[in-house]
Amino acid sequence: SGHGDTTGIAVEDTLGNSKLIENDAIGSLFELFSATTKCVVLNSCYSESQAREIAKHIPYVIGMKSSVNDKAAIAFAVGFYTALGAGKDIEFAFKMGTVAIKLEGISGSDLPILIG
């Protein structure tokens, strides 16, 4: 979870400043964990481009097509992780995440994208 744009994801450096990690670097990082990681969730704005880069190495990646408000991001996460915790597969959990946004009566259920 965090902030991002189409070119990367913002993280905090050791001094507490925002630092943009570019898409290719993110892909390279997740390549190192491809043997043990099945799914990555990027619950940040404009993270579809990062998701596509990570999906070159990881079977399932979830990103957001555009800007996502906090309420929709939280609702998605609750629905997704609740379904996973109940033993459902990743595709079902993704659908539950999008339905959870709808159940809250807020916009944004069309923003998450599952690649894989």
N, C-alpha and C. Protein backbone atom coordinates (compact mmCIF):
# COMPACT_ATOMS: atom_id res chain seq x y z
N SER A 1 0.85 -1.18 0.00
CA SER A 1 0.00 0.00 0.00
C SER A 1 0.88 1.23 0.00
N GLY A 2 0.41 2.26 -0.61
CA GLY A 2 1.20 3.49 -0.64
C GLY A 2 0.81 4.37 -1.80
N HIS A 3 1.78 5.11 -2.28
CA HIS A 3 1.55 6.05 -3.37
C HIS A 3 2.37 5.64 -4.58
N GLY A 4 1.87 5.97 -5.73
CA GLY A 4 2.60 5.67 -6.95
C GLY A 4 2.06 6.44 -8.12
N ASP A 5 2.75 6.29 -9.23
CA ASP A 5 2.27 6.81 -10.50
C ASP A 5 2.67 5.81 -11.57
N THR A 6 2.45 6.12 -12.82
CA THR A 6 2.68 5.15 -13.88
C THR A 6 4.14 4.77 -14.04
N THR A 7 5.07 5.55 -13.50
CA THR A 7 6.49 5.26 -13.67
C THR A 7 7.12 4.54 -12.49
N GLY A 8 6.42 4.45 -11.36
CA GLY A 8 7.00 3.77 -10.21
C GLY A 8 6.16 3.88 -8.96
N ILE A 9 6.72 3.37 -7.88
CA ILE A 9 6.06 3.39 -6.57
C ILE A 9 6.92 4.21 -5.62
N ALA A 10 6.26 5.07 -4.86
CA ALA A 10 6.98 5.91 -3.90
C ALA A 10 7.18 5.13 -2.61
N VAL A 11 8.41 5.14 -2.14
CA VAL A 11 8.75 4.54 -0.86
C VAL A 11 9.49 5.58 -0.04
N GLU A 12 9.71 5.28 1.22
CA GLU A 12 10.42 6.21 2.09
C GLU A 12 11.88 5.79 2.19
N ASP A 13 12.79 6.74 2.00
CA ASP A 13 14.21 6.43 2.13
C ASP A 13 14.62 6.48 3.60
N THR A 14 15.90 6.28 3.89
CA THR A 14 16.37 6.22 5.27
C THR A 14 16.22 7.54 6.02
N LEU A 15 16.06 8.64 5.28
CA LEU A 15 15.88 9.95 5.92
C LEU A 15 14.40 10.34 6.04
N GLY A 16 13.52 9.46 5.59
CA GLY A 16 12.10 9.75 5.67
C GLY A 16 11.55 10.51 4.49
N ASN A 17 12.37 10.67 3.45
CA ASN A 17 11.94 11.37 2.24
C ASN A 17 11.33 10.39 1.25
N SER A 18 10.44 10.89 0.42
CA SER A 18 9.83 10.08 -0.62
C SER A 18 10.83 9.82 -1.74
N LYS A 19 10.87 8.56 -2.17
CA LYS A 19 11.78 8.16 -3.24
C LYS A 19 11.00 7.28 -4.19
N LEU A 20 11.06 7.58 -5.49
CA LEU A 20 10.34 6.81 -6.49
C LEU A 20 11.20 5.64 -6.96
N ILE A 21 10.69 4.43 -6.82
CA ILE A 21 11.35 3.24 -7.34
C ILE A 21 10.72 2.95 -8.70
N GLU A 22 11.53 2.98 -9.74
CA GLU A 22 11.02 2.83 -11.10
C GLU A 22 10.60 1.38 -11.39
N ASN A 23 9.72 1.26 -12.38
CA ASN A 23 9.10 -0.03 -12.71
C ASN A 23 10.11 -1.14 -12.96
N ASP A 24 11.15 -0.87 -13.73
CA ASP A 24 12.10 -1.94 -14.05
C ASP A 24 12.84 -2.42 -12.80
N ALA A 25 13.12 -1.51 -11.88
CA ALA A 25 13.77 -1.90 -10.62
C ALA A 25 12.83 -2.77 -9.79
N ILE A 26 11.55 -2.43 -9.79
CA ILE A 26 10.57 -3.22 -9.05
C ILE A 26 10.49 -4.63 -9.64
N GLY A 27 10.48 -4.71 -10.98
CA GLY A 27 10.46 -6.01 -11.63
C GLY A 27 11.69 -6.83 -11.28
N SER A 28 12.85 -6.20 -11.28
CA SER A 28 14.10 -6.89 -10.94
C SER A 28 14.08 -7.39 -9.50
N LEU A 29 13.52 -6.61 -8.59
CA LEU A 29 13.43 -7.03 -7.20
C LEU A 29 12.58 -8.29 -7.07
N PHE A 30 11.39 -8.28 -7.68
CA PHE A 30 10.51 -9.43 -7.53
C PHE A 30 10.99 -10.64 -8.30
N GLU A 31 11.83 -10.45 -9.30
CA GLU A 31 12.44 -11.59 -9.99
C GLU A 31 13.24 -12.44 -9.00
N LEU A 32 13.87 -11.79 -8.04
CA LEU A 32 14.68 -12.50 -7.04
C LEU A 32 13.83 -13.43 -6.16
N PHE A 33 12.54 -13.13 -6.04
CA PHE A 33 11.66 -13.90 -5.16
C PHE A 33 10.66 -14.75 -5.94
N SER A 34 10.89 -14.92 -7.23
CA SER A 34 9.92 -15.61 -8.08
C SER A 34 9.74 -17.09 -7.72
N ALA A 35 10.72 -17.70 -7.12
CA ALA A 35 10.60 -19.12 -6.77
C ALA A 35 9.65 -19.36 -5.59
N THR A 36 9.44 -18.34 -4.77
CA THR A 36 8.64 -18.54 -3.56
C THR A 36 7.42 -17.64 -3.44
N THR A 37 7.24 -16.70 -4.37
CA THR A 37 6.13 -15.76 -4.27
C THR A 37 5.08 -16.10 -5.32
N LYS A 38 3.83 -16.24 -4.88
CA LYS A 38 2.74 -16.58 -5.79
C LYS A 38 1.90 -15.37 -6.18
N CYS A 39 1.82 -14.38 -5.28
CA CYS A 39 0.94 -13.25 -5.53
C CYS A 39 1.52 -11.99 -4.90
N VAL A 40 1.40 -10.88 -5.63
CA VAL A 40 1.80 -9.57 -5.13
C VAL A 40 0.60 -8.64 -5.29
N VAL A 41 0.27 -7.90 -4.25
CA VAL A 41 -0.81 -6.92 -4.30
C VAL A 41 -0.22 -5.53 -4.16
N LEU A 42 -0.45 -4.71 -5.18
CA LEU A 42 -0.02 -3.31 -5.16
C LEU A 42 -1.27 -2.46 -4.97
N ASN A 43 -1.53 -2.09 -3.75
CA ASN A 43 -2.73 -1.34 -3.42
C ASN A 43 -2.39 0.15 -3.39
N SER A 44 -1.94 0.64 -4.55
CA SER A 44 -1.54 2.04 -4.67
C SER A 44 -2.00 2.58 -6.01
N CYS A 45 -2.11 3.88 -6.10
CA CYS A 45 -2.59 4.54 -7.32
C CYS A 45 -1.69 4.23 -8.51
N TYR A 46 -2.31 4.06 -9.64
CA TYR A 46 -1.61 3.90 -10.92
C TYR A 46 -0.58 2.77 -10.90
N SER A 47 -0.88 1.69 -10.23
CA SER A 47 0.11 0.61 -10.08
C SER A 47 -0.03 -0.49 -11.13
N GLU A 48 -0.89 -0.30 -12.12
CA GLU A 48 -1.02 -1.31 -13.18
C GLU A 48 0.30 -1.51 -13.91
N SER A 49 1.03 -0.44 -14.19
CA SER A 49 2.30 -0.58 -14.92
C SER A 49 3.32 -1.36 -14.09
N GLN A 50 3.37 -1.14 -12.79
CA GLN A 50 4.26 -1.91 -11.94
C GLN A 50 3.81 -3.38 -11.89
N ALA A 51 2.49 -3.59 -11.82
CA ALA A 51 1.95 -4.94 -11.79
C ALA A 51 2.35 -5.71 -13.04
N ARG A 52 2.29 -5.07 -14.18
CA ARG A 52 2.66 -5.74 -15.43
C ARG A 52 4.15 -6.09 -15.44
N GLU A 53 4.96 -5.24 -14.87
CA GLU A 53 6.40 -5.52 -14.79
C GLU A 53 6.68 -6.70 -13.86
N ILE A 54 6.03 -6.71 -12.70
CA ILE A 54 6.21 -7.80 -11.73
C ILE A 54 5.66 -9.11 -12.28
N ALA A 55 4.57 -9.05 -13.05
CA ALA A 55 3.93 -10.24 -13.60
C ALA A 55 4.84 -11.00 -14.58
N LYS A 56 5.92 -10.40 -15.00
CA LYS A 56 6.90 -11.12 -15.83
C LYS A 56 7.58 -12.22 -15.01
N HIS A 57 7.47 -12.13 -13.68
CA HIS A 57 8.18 -13.04 -12.79
C HIS A 57 7.30 -13.76 -11.77
N ILE A 58 6.15 -13.19 -11.46
CA ILE A 58 5.27 -13.70 -10.40
C ILE A 58 3.94 -14.11 -11.03
N PRO A 59 3.38 -15.28 -10.65
CA PRO A 59 2.17 -15.78 -11.31
C PRO A 59 0.94 -14.86 -11.23
N TYR A 60 0.70 -14.23 -10.09
CA TYR A 60 -0.46 -13.36 -9.93
C TYR A 60 -0.03 -12.02 -9.35
N VAL A 61 -0.48 -10.95 -9.99
CA VAL A 61 -0.17 -9.61 -9.49
C VAL A 61 -1.43 -8.77 -9.62
N ILE A 62 -1.72 -8.01 -8.58
CA ILE A 62 -2.86 -7.11 -8.57
C ILE A 62 -2.34 -5.69 -8.50
N GLY A 63 -2.87 -4.83 -9.37
CA GLY A 63 -2.55 -3.42 -9.36
C GLY A 63 -3.82 -2.61 -9.51
N MET A 64 -3.68 -1.31 -9.53
CA MET A 64 -4.81 -0.39 -9.69
C MET A 64 -4.66 0.38 -11.00
N LYS A 65 -5.74 0.46 -11.76
CA LYS A 65 -5.72 1.09 -13.08
C LYS A 65 -5.48 2.59 -13.03
N SER A 66 -5.92 3.23 -11.97
CA SER A 66 -5.76 4.69 -11.86
C SER A 66 -5.72 5.05 -10.38
N SER A 67 -6.08 6.27 -10.06
CA SER A 67 -6.09 6.72 -8.68
C SER A 67 -7.19 5.99 -7.91
N VAL A 68 -6.86 5.50 -6.73
CA VAL A 68 -7.82 4.79 -5.90
C VAL A 68 -7.91 5.50 -4.55
N ASN A 69 -9.15 5.77 -4.11
CA ASN A 69 -9.27 6.45 -2.82
C ASN A 69 -9.05 5.47 -1.67
N ASP A 70 -8.77 6.00 -0.51
CA ASP A 70 -8.42 5.17 0.64
C ASP A 70 -9.53 4.19 1.01
N LYS A 71 -10.79 4.64 0.97
CA LYS A 71 -11.89 3.76 1.35
C LYS A 71 -11.99 2.56 0.42
N ALA A 72 -11.83 2.79 -0.89
CA ALA A 72 -11.88 1.68 -1.85
C ALA A 72 -10.69 0.75 -1.67
N ALA A 73 -9.51 1.32 -1.44
CA ALA A 73 -8.31 0.50 -1.24
C ALA A 73 -8.45 -0.38 0.00
N ILE A 74 -8.99 0.18 1.06
CA ILE A 74 -9.18 -0.59 2.30
C ILE A 74 -10.23 -1.67 2.10
N ALA A 75 -11.34 -1.31 1.47
CA ALA A 75 -12.41 -2.29 1.23
C ALA A 75 -11.89 -3.45 0.38
N PHE A 76 -11.12 -3.14 -0.66
CA PHE A 76 -10.55 -4.20 -1.49
C PHE A 76 -9.67 -5.11 -0.66
N ALA A 77 -8.77 -4.53 0.12
CA ALA A 77 -7.85 -5.32 0.93
C ALA A 77 -8.60 -6.22 1.91
N VAL A 78 -9.61 -5.69 2.57
CA VAL A 78 -10.38 -6.49 3.53
C VAL A 78 -11.05 -7.66 2.82
N GLY A 79 -11.71 -7.39 1.70
CA GLY A 79 -12.38 -8.46 0.96
C GLY A 79 -11.40 -9.50 0.45
N PHE A 80 -10.30 -9.04 -0.12
CA PHE A 80 -9.30 -9.94 -0.70
C PHE A 80 -8.68 -10.84 0.36
N TYR A 81 -8.17 -10.23 1.44
CA TYR A 81 -7.47 -11.02 2.45
C TYR A 81 -8.41 -11.87 3.29
N THR A 82 -9.66 -11.44 3.45
CA THR A 82 -10.64 -12.26 4.15
C THR A 82 -10.90 -13.54 3.35
N ALA A 83 -11.04 -13.40 2.04
CA ALA A 83 -11.27 -14.58 1.19
C ALA A 83 -10.06 -15.50 1.21
N LEU A 84 -8.85 -14.95 1.12
CA LEU A 84 -7.65 -15.80 1.18
C LEU A 84 -7.58 -16.52 2.52
N GLY A 85 -7.88 -15.80 3.59
CA GLY A 85 -7.85 -16.39 4.93
C GLY A 85 -8.87 -17.51 5.09
N ALA A 86 -9.93 -17.44 4.30
CA ALA A 86 -10.96 -18.48 4.34
C ALA A 86 -10.62 -19.65 3.42
N GLY A 87 -9.43 -19.61 2.82
CA GLY A 87 -8.99 -20.72 1.99
C GLY A 87 -9.37 -20.63 0.52
N LYS A 88 -9.91 -19.50 0.10
CA LYS A 88 -10.29 -19.34 -1.31
C LYS A 88 -9.04 -19.09 -2.15
N ASP A 89 -9.14 -19.35 -3.46
CA ASP A 89 -8.00 -19.13 -4.35
C ASP A 89 -7.87 -17.64 -4.70
N ILE A 90 -6.78 -17.30 -5.35
CA ILE A 90 -6.48 -15.90 -5.64
C ILE A 90 -7.53 -15.26 -6.54
N GLU A 91 -8.01 -15.98 -7.56
CA GLU A 91 -9.03 -15.40 -8.44
C GLU A 91 -10.31 -15.06 -7.68
N PHE A 92 -10.75 -15.99 -6.82
CA PHE A 92 -11.94 -15.74 -6.01
C PHE A 92 -11.71 -14.57 -5.08
N ALA A 93 -10.55 -14.55 -4.43
CA ALA A 93 -10.24 -13.47 -3.49
C ALA A 93 -10.23 -12.12 -4.19
N PHE A 94 -9.70 -12.08 -5.41
CA PHE A 94 -9.72 -10.84 -6.19
C PHE A 94 -11.16 -10.38 -6.43
N LYS A 95 -12.00 -11.29 -6.85
CA LYS A 95 -13.42 -10.95 -7.09
C LYS A 95 -14.08 -10.48 -5.80
N MET A 96 -13.77 -11.12 -4.69
CA MET A 96 -14.33 -10.71 -3.41
C MET A 96 -13.87 -9.31 -3.05
N GLY A 97 -12.64 -8.99 -3.36
CA GLY A 97 -12.14 -7.64 -3.11
C GLY A 97 -12.92 -6.59 -3.89
N THR A 98 -13.19 -6.88 -5.16
CA THR A 98 -13.94 -5.90 -5.96
C THR A 98 -15.39 -5.80 -5.49
N VAL A 99 -15.97 -6.93 -5.10
CA VAL A 99 -17.34 -6.92 -4.58
C VAL A 99 -17.39 -6.17 -3.25
N ALA A 100 -16.37 -6.31 -2.44
CA ALA A 100 -16.33 -5.61 -1.15
C ALA A 100 -16.40 -4.09 -1.34
N ILE A 101 -15.76 -3.60 -2.39
CA ILE A 101 -15.86 -2.16 -2.69
C ILE A 101 -17.30 -1.79 -3.01
N LYS A 102 -17.95 -2.60 -3.85
CA LYS A 102 -19.35 -2.35 -4.21
C LYS A 102 -20.25 -2.39 -2.98
N LEU A 103 -19.99 -3.36 -2.09
CA LEU A 103 -20.83 -3.51 -0.89
C LEU A 103 -20.71 -2.30 0.04
N GLU A 104 -19.60 -1.61 -0.02
CA GLU A 104 -19.43 -0.38 0.77
C GLU A 104 -20.17 0.79 0.14
N GLY A 105 -20.65 0.62 -1.09
CA GLY A 105 -21.39 1.68 -1.77
C GLY A 105 -20.51 2.82 -2.26
N ILE A 106 -19.24 2.50 -2.53
CA ILE A 106 -18.32 3.53 -3.01
C ILE A 106 -17.82 3.18 -4.40
N SER A 107 -17.34 4.17 -5.10
CA SER A 107 -16.83 3.92 -6.45
C SER A 107 -15.43 3.32 -6.36
N GLY A 108 -15.02 2.68 -7.44
CA GLY A 108 -13.67 2.15 -7.52
C GLY A 108 -13.58 0.66 -7.72
N SER A 109 -14.71 -0.03 -7.81
CA SER A 109 -14.65 -1.48 -7.97
C SER A 109 -14.08 -1.89 -9.32
N ASP A 110 -14.02 -0.96 -10.25
CA ASP A 110 -13.45 -1.24 -11.57
C ASP A 110 -11.95 -0.96 -11.63
N LEU A 111 -11.35 -0.48 -10.57
CA LEU A 111 -9.94 -0.09 -10.58
C LEU A 111 -8.95 -1.24 -10.40
N PRO A 112 -9.22 -2.22 -9.53
CA PRO A 112 -8.25 -3.30 -9.38
C PRO A 112 -8.16 -4.13 -10.66
N ILE A 113 -6.95 -4.57 -10.96
CA ILE A 113 -6.72 -5.44 -12.11
C ILE A 113 -5.87 -6.62 -11.66
N LEU A 114 -6.31 -7.83 -12.07
CA LEU A 114 -5.57 -9.04 -11.76
C LEU A 114 -4.84 -9.49 -13.02
N ILE A 115 -3.54 -9.63 -12.91
CA ILE A 115 -2.72 -10.09 -14.03
C ILE A 115 -2.19 -11.45 -13.64
N GLY A 116 -2.48 -12.44 -14.45
CA GLY A 116 -1.99 -13.79 -14.16
C GLY A 116 -2.96 -14.84 -14.56
